[in-house]
Amino acid sequence: MTSSYPNSSDACNSFIPPSFNVNKVEIISDRPDCATFVFTDEDHTIGNSLHYILMKNPQVDFSGYSIPHPSDNRMNLRIQTKSNITSQEALLNGLNDLKNISNHILETFNQTEK
């Protein structure tokens, strides 16, 4: 089943930066506050990191990820939010937070290396 609420892919695509490969993420959803995101060519590294970041967000009720099979190149991420934020917004906030944390770690590492 794919997204059934109006303009779900348009709403998500408006948040995604143009450099991101949109075909990398498929959204499976019946409601705006609860969705499964299927990431292609991703694994536990991003799954566990995103799950951790998402669970730190007080607007997220549930986050969980799974790898359907070790030989499958997909990672499923399920997000359920409170009614004041959509699951797509929570995912994008989580990705931005993860990017900011990664940049901070890289900057700190580069400073100590000098």
PDB file of N, CA and C in Angstrom:
ATOM      1  N   MET A   1       0.845  -1.164   0.000  1.00  0.00           N
ATOM      2  CA  MET A   1       0.000   0.000   0.000  1.00  0.00           C
ATOM      3  C   MET A   1       0.899   1.239   0.000  1.00  0.00           C
ATOM      4  N   THR A   2       0.572   2.189  -0.829  1.00  0.00           N
ATOM      5  CA  THR A   2       1.333   3.423  -0.883  1.00  0.00           C
ATOM      6  C   THR A   2       0.543   4.534  -0.227  1.00  0.00           C
ATOM      7  N   SER A   3       1.113   5.711  -0.192  1.00  0.00           N
ATOM      8  CA  SER A   3       0.494   6.856   0.473  1.00  0.00           C
ATOM      9  C   SER A   3      -0.893   7.115  -0.070  1.00  0.00           C
ATOM     10  N   SER A   4      -1.863   7.266   0.825  1.00  0.00           N
ATOM     11  CA  SER A   4      -3.225   7.496   0.374  1.00  0.00           C
ATOM     12  C   SER A   4      -3.765   8.858   0.769  1.00  0.00           C
ATOM     13  N   TYR A   5      -3.066   9.598   1.614  1.00  0.00           N
ATOM     14  CA  TYR A   5      -3.572  10.918   1.922  1.00  0.00           C
ATOM     15  C   TYR A   5      -3.106  11.890   0.850  1.00  0.00           C
ATOM     16  N   PRO A   6      -3.868  12.949   0.605  1.00  0.00           N
ATOM     17  CA  PRO A   6      -3.635  13.807  -0.561  1.00  0.00           C
ATOM     18  C   PRO A   6      -2.234  14.395  -0.620  1.00  0.00           C
ATOM     19  N   ASN A   7      -1.666  14.327  -1.810  1.00  0.00           N
ATOM     20  CA  ASN A   7      -0.382  14.953  -2.118  1.00  0.00           C
ATOM     21  C   ASN A   7       0.738  14.556  -1.163  1.00  0.00           C
ATOM     22  N   SER A   8       0.739  13.323  -0.696  1.00  0.00           N
ATOM     23  CA  SER A   8       1.763  12.899   0.264  1.00  0.00           C
ATOM     24  C   SER A   8       3.159  12.982  -0.330  1.00  0.00           C
ATOM     25  N   SER A   9       3.322  12.544  -1.574  1.00  0.00           N
ATOM     26  CA  SER A   9       4.661  12.596  -2.162  1.00  0.00           C
ATOM     27  C   SER A   9       5.066  14.032  -2.448  1.00  0.00           C
ATOM     28  N   ASP A  10       4.116  14.883  -2.851  1.00  0.00           N
ATOM     29  CA  ASP A  10       4.428  16.289  -3.082  1.00  0.00           C
ATOM     30  C   ASP A  10       4.859  16.955  -1.787  1.00  0.00           C
ATOM     31  N   ALA A  11       4.161  16.650  -0.682  1.00  0.00           N
ATOM     32  CA  ALA A  11       4.497  17.254   0.608  1.00  0.00           C
ATOM     33  C   ALA A  11       5.891  16.836   1.038  1.00  0.00           C
ATOM     34  N   CYS A  12       6.218  15.566   0.857  1.00  0.00           N
ATOM     35  CA  CYS A  12       7.541  15.088   1.254  1.00  0.00           C
ATOM     36  C   CYS A  12       8.617  15.673   0.350  1.00  0.00           C
ATOM     37  N   ASN A  13       8.359  15.700  -0.948  1.00  0.00           N
ATOM     38  CA  ASN A  13       9.364  16.195  -1.888  1.00  0.00           C
ATOM     39  C   ASN A  13       9.658  17.671  -1.680  1.00  0.00           C
ATOM     40  N   SER A  14       8.705  18.422  -1.130  1.00  0.00           N
ATOM     41  CA  SER A  14       8.958  19.837  -0.902  1.00  0.00           C
ATOM     42  C   SER A  14       9.974  20.049   0.220  1.00  0.00           C
ATOM     43  N   PHE A  15      10.141  19.066   1.102  1.00  0.00           N
ATOM     44  CA  PHE A  15      11.092  19.171   2.202  1.00  0.00           C
ATOM     45  C   PHE A  15      12.472  18.637   1.841  1.00  0.00           C
ATOM     46  N   ILE A  16      12.537  17.801   0.824  1.00  0.00           N
ATOM     47  CA  ILE A  16      13.781  17.111   0.503  1.00  0.00           C
ATOM     48  C   ILE A  16      14.675  18.016  -0.344  1.00  0.00           C
ATOM     49  N   PRO A  17      15.942  18.160   0.040  1.00  0.00           N
ATOM     50  CA  PRO A  17      16.853  18.994  -0.749  1.00  0.00           C
ATOM     51  C   PRO A  17      17.039  18.423  -2.156  1.00  0.00           C
ATOM     52  N   PRO A  18      17.277  19.277  -3.165  1.00  0.00           N
ATOM     53  CA  PRO A  18      17.388  18.808  -4.543  1.00  0.00           C
ATOM     54  C   PRO A  18      18.537  17.833  -4.773  1.00  0.00           C
ATOM     55  N   SER A  19      19.585  17.867  -3.942  1.00  0.00           N
ATOM     56  CA  SER A  19      20.725  16.972  -4.127  1.00  0.00           C
ATOM     57  C   SER A  19      20.435  15.547  -3.664  1.00  0.00           C
ATOM     58  N   PHE A  20      19.331  15.337  -2.938  1.00  0.00           N
ATOM     59  CA  PHE A  20      19.002  14.018  -2.396  1.00  0.00           C
ATOM     60  C   PHE A  20      18.275  13.192  -3.447  1.00  0.00           C
ATOM     61  N   ASN A  21      18.648  11.936  -3.592  1.00  0.00           N
ATOM     62  CA  ASN A  21      18.002  11.040  -4.540  1.00  0.00           C
ATOM     63  C   ASN A  21      16.655  10.604  -3.965  1.00  0.00           C
ATOM     64  N   VAL A  22      15.554  11.153  -4.508  1.00  0.00           N
ATOM     65  CA  VAL A  22      14.216  10.883  -3.984  1.00  0.00           C
ATOM     66  C   VAL A  22      13.853   9.417  -4.140  1.00  0.00           C
ATOM     67  N   ASN A  23      14.386   8.745  -5.141  1.00  0.00           N
ATOM     68  CA  ASN A  23      14.069   7.336  -5.353  1.00  0.00           C
ATOM     69  C   ASN A  23      14.685   6.446  -4.285  1.00  0.00           C
ATOM     70  N   LYS A  24      15.514   6.997  -3.414  1.00  0.00           N
ATOM     71  CA  LYS A  24      16.156   6.230  -2.352  1.00  0.00           C
ATOM     72  C   LYS A  24      15.185   5.923  -1.216  1.00  0.00           C
ATOM     73  N   VAL A  25      14.096   6.724  -1.096  1.00  0.00           N
ATOM     74  CA  VAL A  25      13.149   6.556  -0.003  1.00  0.00           C
ATOM     75  C   VAL A  25      11.748   6.395  -0.561  1.00  0.00           C
ATOM     76  N   GLU A  26      11.087   5.326  -0.128  1.00  0.00           N
ATOM     77  CA  GLU A  26       9.678   5.105  -0.482  1.00  0.00           C
ATOM     78  C   GLU A  26       8.860   5.270   0.791  1.00  0.00           C
ATOM     79  N   ILE A  27       7.718   5.930   0.693  1.00  0.00           N
ATOM     80  CA  ILE A  27       6.865   6.157   1.856  1.00  0.00           C
ATOM     81  C   ILE A  27       5.641   5.259   1.745  1.00  0.00           C
ATOM     82  N   ILE A  28       5.396   4.506   2.813  1.00  0.00           N
ATOM     83  CA  ILE A  28       4.206   3.668   2.890  1.00  0.00           C
ATOM     84  C   ILE A  28       3.394   4.188   4.073  1.00  0.00           C
ATOM     85  N   SER A  29       2.207   4.729   3.775  1.00  0.00           N
ATOM     86  CA  SER A  29       1.459   5.382   4.842  1.00  0.00           C
ATOM     87  C   SER A  29      -0.033   5.410   4.554  1.00  0.00           C
ATOM     88  N   ASP A  30      -0.808   5.368   5.625  1.00  0.00           N
ATOM     89  CA  ASP A  30      -2.250   5.591   5.549  1.00  0.00           C
ATOM     90  C   ASP A  30      -2.617   6.930   6.171  1.00  0.00           C
ATOM     91  N   ARG A  31      -1.754   7.421   7.042  1.00  0.00           N
ATOM     92  CA  ARG A  31      -2.037   8.644   7.796  1.00  0.00           C
ATOM     93  C   ARG A  31      -0.799   9.521   7.817  1.00  0.00           C
ATOM     94  N   PRO A  32      -0.995  10.833   8.009  1.00  0.00           N
ATOM     95  CA  PRO A  32       0.181  11.719   8.064  1.00  0.00           C
ATOM     96  C   PRO A  32       1.033  11.526   9.317  1.00  0.00           C
ATOM     97  N   ASP A  33       0.434  11.032  10.409  1.00  0.00           N
ATOM     98  CA  ASP A  33       1.179  10.912  11.666  1.00  0.00           C
ATOM     99  C   ASP A  33       1.850   9.556  11.858  1.00  0.00           C
ATOM    100  N   CYS A  34       1.706   8.656  10.897  1.00  0.00           N
ATOM    101  CA  CYS A  34       2.261   7.314  11.039  1.00  0.00           C
ATOM    102  C   CYS A  34       2.666   6.796   9.656  1.00  0.00           C
ATOM    103  N   ALA A  35       3.932   6.477   9.489  1.00  0.00           N
ATOM    104  CA  ALA A  35       4.406   6.025   8.181  1.00  0.00           C
ATOM    105  C   ALA A  35       5.609   5.112   8.317  1.00  0.00           C
ATOM    106  N   THR A  36       5.784   4.288   7.303  1.00  0.00           N
ATOM    107  CA  THR A  36       6.989   3.480   7.159  1.00  0.00           C
ATOM    108  C   THR A  36       7.757   4.026   5.974  1.00  0.00           C
ATOM    109  N   PHE A  37       9.035   4.261   6.184  1.00  0.00           N
ATOM    110  CA  PHE A  37       9.922   4.756   5.137  1.00  0.00           C
ATOM    111  C   PHE A  37      10.864   3.620   4.765  1.00  0.00           C
ATOM    112  N   VAL A  38      10.913   3.274   3.491  1.00  0.00           N
ATOM    113  CA  VAL A  38      11.774   2.200   3.010  1.00  0.00           C
ATOM    114  C   VAL A  38      12.971   2.851   2.317  1.00  0.00           C
ATOM    115  N   PHE A  39      14.152   2.707   2.931  1.00  0.00           N
ATOM    116  CA  PHE A  39      15.395   3.269   2.405  1.00  0.00           C
ATOM    117  C   PHE A  39      16.121   2.197   1.602  1.00  0.00           C
ATOM    118  N   THR A  40      16.525   2.535   0.383  1.00  0.00           N
ATOM    119  CA  THR A  40      17.295   1.623  -0.455  1.00  0.00           C
ATOM    120  C   THR A  40      18.776   1.858  -0.216  1.00  0.00           C
ATOM    121  N   ASP A  41      19.537   0.788  -0.176  1.00  0.00           N
ATOM    122  CA  ASP A  41      20.989   0.821   0.018  1.00  0.00           C
ATOM    123  C   ASP A  41      21.400   1.446   1.350  1.00  0.00           C
ATOM    124  N   GLU A  42      20.637   1.207   2.395  1.00  0.00           N
ATOM    125  CA  GLU A  42      20.999   1.665   3.740  1.00  0.00           C
ATOM    126  C   GLU A  42      20.936   0.478   4.684  1.00  0.00           C
ATOM    127  N   ASP A  43      21.600   0.620   5.843  1.00  0.00           N
ATOM    128  CA  ASP A  43      21.688  -0.501   6.771  1.00  0.00           C
ATOM    129  C   ASP A  43      21.561  -0.029   8.214  1.00  0.00           C
ATOM    130  N   HIS A  44      22.082  -0.824   9.148  1.00  0.00           N
ATOM    131  CA  HIS A  44      21.967  -0.531  10.572  1.00  0.00           C
ATOM    132  C   HIS A  44      22.615   0.791  10.966  1.00  0.00           C
ATOM    133  N   THR A  45      23.625   1.226  10.224  1.00  0.00           N
ATOM    134  CA  THR A  45      24.335   2.452  10.594  1.00  0.00           C
ATOM    135  C   THR A  45      23.376   3.636  10.641  1.00  0.00           C
ATOM    136  N   ILE A  46      22.647   3.867   9.568  1.00  0.00           N
ATOM    137  CA  ILE A  46      21.705   4.995   9.560  1.00  0.00           C
ATOM    138  C   ILE A  46      20.428   4.636  10.314  1.00  0.00           C
ATOM    139  N   GLY A  47      20.028   3.380  10.273  1.00  0.00           N
ATOM    140  CA  GLY A  47      18.802   2.969  10.958  1.00  0.00           C
ATOM    141  C   GLY A  47      18.872   3.185  12.458  1.00  0.00           C
ATOM    142  N   ASN A  48      19.933   2.719  13.084  1.00  0.00           N
ATOM    143  CA  ASN A  48      20.082   2.854  14.530  1.00  0.00           C
ATOM    144  C   ASN A  48      20.289   4.314  14.920  1.00  0.00           C
ATOM    145  N   SER A  49      21.077   5.043  14.134  1.00  0.00           N
ATOM    146  CA  SER A  49      21.321   6.457  14.428  1.00  0.00           C
ATOM    147  C   SER A  49      20.041   7.275  14.342  1.00  0.00           C
ATOM    148  N   LEU A  50      19.274   7.077  13.264  1.00  0.00           N
ATOM    149  CA  LEU A  50      18.017   7.810  13.108  1.00  0.00           C
ATOM    150  C   LEU A  50      17.015   7.433  14.190  1.00  0.00           C
ATOM    151  N   HIS A  51      16.935   6.155  14.501  1.00  0.00           N
ATOM    152  CA  HIS A  51      16.020   5.709  15.566  1.00  0.00           C
ATOM    153  C   HIS A  51      16.355   6.415  16.882  1.00  0.00           C
ATOM    154  N   TYR A  52      17.631   6.475  17.219  1.00  0.00           N
ATOM    155  CA  TYR A  52      18.066   7.125  18.462  1.00  0.00           C
ATOM    156  C   TYR A  52      17.681   8.608  18.466  1.00  0.00           C
ATOM    157  N   ILE A  53      17.983   9.309  17.369  1.00  0.00           N
ATOM    158  CA  ILE A  53      17.680  10.742  17.261  1.00  0.00           C
ATOM    159  C   ILE A  53      16.164  10.967  17.323  1.00  0.00           C
ATOM    160  N   LEU A  54      15.409  10.146  16.619  1.00  0.00           N
ATOM    161  CA  LEU A  54      13.953  10.311  16.595  1.00  0.00           C
ATOM    162  C   LEU A  54      13.342  10.106  17.982  1.00  0.00           C
ATOM    163  N   MET A  55      13.858   9.147  18.736  1.00  0.00           N
ATOM    164  CA  MET A  55      13.293   8.891  20.065  1.00  0.00           C
ATOM    165  C   MET A  55      13.634  10.002  21.053  1.00  0.00           C
ATOM    166  N   LYS A  56      14.619  10.836  20.759  1.00  0.00           N
ATOM    167  CA  LYS A  56      14.927  12.003  21.587  1.00  0.00           C
ATOM    168  C   LYS A  56      13.930  13.142  21.349  1.00  0.00           C
ATOM    169  N   ASN A  57      13.188  13.089  20.245  1.00  0.00           N
ATOM    170  CA  ASN A  57      12.211  14.113  19.895  1.00  0.00           C
ATOM    171  C   ASN A  57      10.919  13.870  20.690  1.00  0.00           C
ATOM    172  N   PRO A  58      10.495  14.818  21.535  1.00  0.00           N
ATOM    173  CA  PRO A  58       9.284  14.604  22.341  1.00  0.00           C
ATOM    174  C   PRO A  58       8.003  14.521  21.513  1.00  0.00           C
ATOM    175  N   GLN A  59       8.056  14.931  20.243  1.00  0.00           N
ATOM    176  CA  GLN A  59       6.872  14.858  19.388  1.00  0.00           C
ATOM    177  C   GLN A  59       6.735  13.501  18.705  1.00  0.00           C
ATOM    178  N   VAL A  60       7.710  12.621  18.888  1.00  0.00           N
ATOM    179  CA  VAL A  60       7.673  11.286  18.288  1.00  0.00           C
ATOM    180  C   VAL A  60       7.226  10.280  19.349  1.00  0.00           C
ATOM    181  N   ASP A  61       6.142   9.561  19.052  1.00  0.00           N
ATOM    182  CA  ASP A  61       5.637   8.529  19.959  1.00  0.00           C
ATOM    183  C   ASP A  61       6.373   7.203  19.786  1.00  0.00           C
ATOM    184  N   PHE A  62       6.722   6.873  18.542  1.00  0.00           N
ATOM    185  CA  PHE A  62       7.348   5.578  18.270  1.00  0.00           C
ATOM    186  C   PHE A  62       8.296   5.705  17.086  1.00  0.00           C
ATOM    187  N   SER A  63       9.404   5.027  17.180  1.00  0.00           N
ATOM    188  CA  SER A  63      10.341   4.883  16.071  1.00  0.00           C
ATOM    189  C   SER A  63      10.959   3.497  16.164  1.00  0.00           C
ATOM    190  N   GLY A  64      11.056   2.841  15.048  1.00  0.00           N
ATOM    191  CA  GLY A  64      11.706   1.540  15.006  1.00  0.00           C
ATOM    192  C   GLY A  64      12.180   1.262  13.595  1.00  0.00           C
ATOM    193  N   TYR A  65      13.241   0.488  13.482  1.00  0.00           N
ATOM    194  CA  TYR A  65      13.735   0.151  12.150  1.00  0.00           C
ATOM    195  C   TYR A  65      14.009  -1.341  12.069  1.00  0.00           C
ATOM    196  N   SER A  66      14.018  -1.843  10.847  1.00  0.00           N
ATOM    197  CA  SER A  66      14.349  -3.252  10.637  1.00  0.00           C
ATOM    198  C   SER A  66      15.011  -3.415   9.278  1.00  0.00           C
ATOM    199  N   ILE A  67      15.825  -4.447   9.202  1.00  0.00           N
ATOM    200  CA  ILE A  67      16.415  -4.878   7.939  1.00  0.00           C
ATOM    201  C   ILE A  67      15.689  -6.177   7.614  1.00  0.00           C
ATOM    202  N   PRO A  68      14.842  -6.196   6.563  1.00  0.00           N
ATOM    203  CA  PRO A  68      14.027  -7.384   6.296  1.00  0.00           C
ATOM    204  C   PRO A  68      14.827  -8.671   6.135  1.00  0.00           C
ATOM    205  N   HIS A  69      15.969  -8.587   5.457  1.00  0.00           N
ATOM    206  CA  HIS A  69      16.819  -9.758   5.247  1.00  0.00           C
ATOM    207  C   HIS A  69      18.236  -9.271   4.966  1.00  0.00           C
ATOM    208  N   PRO A  70      19.253  -9.982   5.468  1.00  0.00           N
ATOM    209  CA  PRO A  70      20.634  -9.521   5.272  1.00  0.00           C
ATOM    210  C   PRO A  70      21.036  -9.336   3.801  1.00  0.00           C
ATOM    211  N   SER A  71      20.464 -10.127   2.908  1.00  0.00           N
ATOM    212  CA  SER A  71      20.829  -9.985   1.495  1.00  0.00           C
ATOM    213  C   SER A  71      19.961  -8.943   0.776  1.00  0.00           C
ATOM    214  N   ASP A  72      18.985  -8.387   1.495  1.00  0.00           N
ATOM    215  CA  ASP A  72      18.125  -7.348   0.922  1.00  0.00           C
ATOM    216  C   ASP A  72      18.770  -5.992   1.196  1.00  0.00           C
ATOM    217  N   ASN A  73      18.804  -5.137   0.205  1.00  0.00           N
ATOM    218  CA  ASN A  73      19.485  -3.849   0.372  1.00  0.00           C
ATOM    219  C   ASN A  73      18.521  -2.751   0.828  1.00  0.00           C
ATOM    220  N   ARG A  74      17.572  -3.108   1.684  1.00  0.00           N
ATOM    221  CA  ARG A  74      16.593  -2.130   2.162  1.00  0.00           C
ATOM    222  C   ARG A  74      16.580  -2.077   3.685  1.00  0.00           C
ATOM    223  N   MET A  75      16.185  -0.902   4.179  1.00  0.00           N
ATOM    224  CA  MET A  75      16.002  -0.687   5.607  1.00  0.00           C
ATOM    225  C   MET A  75      14.642  -0.021   5.787  1.00  0.00           C
ATOM    226  N   ASN A  76      13.814  -0.577   6.661  1.00  0.00           N
ATOM    227  CA  ASN A  76      12.496  -0.019   6.944  1.00  0.00           C
ATOM    228  C   ASN A  76      12.559   0.785   8.234  1.00  0.00           C
ATOM    229  N   LEU A  77      12.028   2.001   8.192  1.00  0.00           N
ATOM    230  CA  LEU A  77      11.980   2.860   9.366  1.00  0.00           C
ATOM    231  C   LEU A  77      10.529   3.264   9.599  1.00  0.00           C
ATOM    232  N   ARG A  78       9.995   2.917  10.753  1.00  0.00           N
ATOM    233  CA  ARG A  78       8.604   3.240  11.099  1.00  0.00           C
ATOM    234  C   ARG A  78       8.614   4.399  12.088  1.00  0.00           C
ATOM    235  N   ILE A  79       7.783   5.414  11.826  1.00  0.00           N
ATOM    236  CA  ILE A  79       7.684   6.583  12.704  1.00  0.00           C
ATOM    237  C   ILE A  79       6.219   6.871  12.975  1.00  0.00           C
ATOM    238  N   GLN A  80       5.895   7.061  14.250  1.00  0.00           N
ATOM    239  CA  GLN A  80       4.556   7.504  14.650  1.00  0.00           C
ATOM    240  C   GLN A  80       4.723   8.738  15.519  1.00  0.00           C
ATOM    241  N   THR A  81       3.973   9.796  15.183  1.00  0.00           N
ATOM    242  CA  THR A  81       4.144  11.076  15.858  1.00  0.00           C
ATOM    243  C   THR A  81       2.861  11.511  16.546  1.00  0.00           C
ATOM    244  N   LYS A  82       2.993  12.542  17.360  1.00  0.00           N
ATOM    245  CA  LYS A  82       1.831  13.189  17.934  1.00  0.00           C
ATOM    246  C   LYS A  82       1.157  13.985  16.813  1.00  0.00           C
ATOM    247  N   SER A  83      -0.057  14.430  17.025  1.00  0.00           N
ATOM    248  CA  SER A  83      -0.843  15.026  15.939  1.00  0.00           C
ATOM    249  C   SER A  83      -0.333  16.378  15.452  1.00  0.00           C
ATOM    250  N   ASN A  84       0.570  17.039  16.178  1.00  0.00           N
ATOM    251  CA  ASN A  84       1.018  18.366  15.761  1.00  0.00           C
ATOM    252  C   ASN A  84       2.210  18.340  14.805  1.00  0.00           C
ATOM    253  N   ILE A  85       2.687  17.162  14.401  1.00  0.00           N
ATOM    254  CA  ILE A  85       3.795  17.034  13.458  1.00  0.00           C
ATOM    255  C   ILE A  85       3.568  15.762  12.643  1.00  0.00           C
ATOM    256  N   THR A  86       3.907  15.819  11.358  1.00  0.00           N
ATOM    257  CA  THR A  86       3.766  14.621  10.522  1.00  0.00           C
ATOM    258  C   THR A  86       4.997  13.741  10.661  1.00  0.00           C
ATOM    259  N   SER A  87       4.857  12.494  10.279  1.00  0.00           N
ATOM    260  CA  SER A  87       5.997  11.580  10.336  1.00  0.00           C
ATOM    261  C   SER A  87       7.089  12.018   9.361  1.00  0.00           C
ATOM    262  N   GLN A  88       6.703  12.603   8.238  1.00  0.00           N
ATOM    263  CA  GLN A  88       7.687  13.090   7.274  1.00  0.00           C
ATOM    264  C   GLN A  88       8.491  14.250   7.859  1.00  0.00           C
ATOM    265  N   GLU A  89       7.822  15.156   8.554  1.00  0.00           N
ATOM    266  CA  GLU A  89       8.526  16.267   9.205  1.00  0.00           C
ATOM    267  C   GLU A  89       9.474  15.748  10.287  1.00  0.00           C
ATOM    268  N   ALA A  90       9.019  14.747  11.037  1.00  0.00           N
ATOM    269  CA  ALA A  90       9.873  14.164  12.079  1.00  0.00           C
ATOM    270  C   ALA A  90      11.110  13.523  11.460  1.00  0.00           C
ATOM    271  N   LEU A  91      10.932  12.822  10.339  1.00  0.00           N
ATOM    272  CA  LEU A  91      12.077  12.208   9.658  1.00  0.00           C
ATOM    273  C   LEU A  91      13.059  13.278   9.190  1.00  0.00           C
ATOM    274  N   LEU A  92      12.560  14.321   8.573  1.00  0.00           N
ATOM    275  CA  LEU A  92      13.439  15.380   8.082  1.00  0.00           C
ATOM    276  C   LEU A  92      14.147  16.098   9.225  1.00  0.00           C
ATOM    277  N   ASN A  93      13.441  16.331  10.334  1.00  0.00           N
ATOM    278  CA  ASN A  93      14.085  16.915  11.518  1.00  0.00           C
ATOM    279  C   ASN A  93      15.187  15.990  12.033  1.00  0.00           C
ATOM    280  N   GLY A  94      14.896  14.689  12.079  1.00  0.00           N
ATOM    281  CA  GLY A  94      15.883  13.715  12.537  1.00  0.00           C
ATOM    282  C   GLY A  94      17.104  13.664  11.632  1.00  0.00           C
ATOM    283  N   LEU A  95      16.882  13.705  10.326  1.00  0.00           N
ATOM    284  CA  LEU A  95      18.006  13.705   9.385  1.00  0.00           C
ATOM    285  C   LEU A  95      18.845  14.971   9.540  1.00  0.00           C
ATOM    286  N   ASN A  96      18.187  16.112   9.714  1.00  0.00           N
ATOM    287  CA  ASN A  96      18.935  17.366   9.919  1.00  0.00           C
ATOM    288  C   ASN A  96      19.718  17.335  11.224  1.00  0.00           C
ATOM    289  N   ASP A  97      19.102  16.822  12.295  1.00  0.00           N
ATOM    290  CA  ASP A  97      19.805  16.706  13.580  1.00  0.00           C
ATOM    291  C   ASP A  97      21.015  15.785  13.454  1.00  0.00           C
ATOM    292  N   LEU A  98      20.839  14.666  12.760  1.00  0.00           N
ATOM    293  CA  LEU A  98      21.936  13.718  12.569  1.00  0.00           C
ATOM    294  C   LEU A  98      23.060  14.351  11.749  1.00  0.00           C
ATOM    295  N   LYS A  99      22.705  15.129  10.742  1.00  0.00           N
ATOM    296  CA  LYS A  99      23.713  15.829   9.939  1.00  0.00           C
ATOM    297  C   LYS A  99      24.475  16.839  10.797  1.00  0.00           C
ATOM    298  N   ASN A 100      23.758  17.594  11.641  1.00  0.00           N
ATOM    299  CA  ASN A 100      24.413  18.575  12.507  1.00  0.00           C
ATOM    300  C   ASN A 100      25.348  17.915  13.513  1.00  0.00           C
ATOM    301  N   ILE A 101      24.934  16.808  14.079  1.00  0.00           N
ATOM    302  CA  ILE A 101      25.783  16.070  15.024  1.00  0.00           C
ATOM    303  C   ILE A 101      27.029  15.550  14.314  1.00  0.00           C
ATOM    304  N   SER A 102      26.842  15.001  13.120  1.00  0.00           N
ATOM    305  CA  SER A 102      27.978  14.480  12.350  1.00  0.00           C
ATOM    306  C   SER A 102      28.963  15.588  11.993  1.00  0.00           C
ATOM    307  N   ASN A 103      28.436  16.756  11.598  1.00  0.00           N
ATOM    308  CA  ASN A 103      29.312  17.884  11.284  1.00  0.00           C
ATOM    309  C   ASN A 103      30.092  18.348  12.509  1.00  0.00           C
ATOM    310  N   HIS A 104      29.433  18.375  13.662  1.00  0.00           N
ATOM    311  CA  HIS A 104      30.107  18.770  14.897  1.00  0.00           C
ATOM    312  C   HIS A 104      31.238  17.786  15.244  1.00  0.00           C
ATOM    313  N   ILE A 105      30.971  16.511  15.110  1.00  0.00           N
ATOM    314  CA  ILE A 105      31.988  15.496  15.392  1.00  0.00           C
ATOM    315  C   ILE A 105      33.167  15.653  14.437  1.00  0.00           C
ATOM    316  N   LEU A 106      32.877  15.874  13.146  1.00  0.00           N
ATOM    317  CA  LEU A 106      33.936  16.049  12.164  1.00  0.00           C
ATOM    318  C   LEU A 106      34.772  17.290  12.464  1.00  0.00           C
ATOM    319  N   GLU A 107      34.127  18.396  12.795  1.00  0.00           N
ATOM    320  CA  GLU A 107      34.860  19.628  13.137  1.00  0.00           C
ATOM    321  C   GLU A 107      35.725  19.435  14.368  1.00  0.00           C
ATOM    322  N   THR A 108      35.186  18.781  15.380  1.00  0.00           N
ATOM    323  CA  THR A 108      35.945  18.538  16.612  1.00  0.00           C
ATOM    324  C   THR A 108      37.150  17.647  16.332  1.00  0.00           C
ATOM    325  N   PHE A 109      36.938  16.625  15.521  1.00  0.00           N
ATOM    326  CA  PHE A 109      38.032  15.718  15.151  1.00  0.00           C
ATOM    327  C   PHE A 109      39.123  16.483  14.395  1.00  0.00           C
ATOM    328  N   ASN A 110      38.728  17.308  13.455  1.00  0.00           N
ATOM    329  CA  ASN A 110      39.701  18.084  12.661  1.00  0.00           C
ATOM    330  C   ASN A 110      40.463  19.079  13.512  1.00  0.00           C
ATOM    331  N   GLN A 111      39.827  19.647  14.525  1.00  0.00           N
ATOM    332  CA  GLN A 111      40.514  20.597  15.410  1.00  0.00           C
ATOM    333  C   GLN A 111      41.548  19.891  16.278  1.00  0.00           C
ATOM    334  N   THR A 112      41.245  18.721  16.771  1.00  0.00           N
ATOM    335  CA  THR A 112      42.185  17.998  17.636  1.00  0.00           C
ATOM    336  C   THR A 112      43.315  17.398  16.833  1.00  0.00           C
ATOM    337  N   GLU A 113      43.117  17.223  15.528  1.00  0.00           N
ATOM    338  CA  GLU A 113      44.125  16.625  14.670  1.00  0.00           C
ATOM    339  C   GLU A 113      45.269  17.613  14.407  1.00  0.00           C
ATOM    340  N   LYS A 114      45.001  18.913  14.480  1.00  0.00           N
ATOM    341  CA  LYS A 114      46.015  19.938  14.136  1.00  0.00           C
ATOM    342  C   LYS A 114      47.054  20.108  15.204  1.00  0.00           C
TER     343      LYS A 114
END
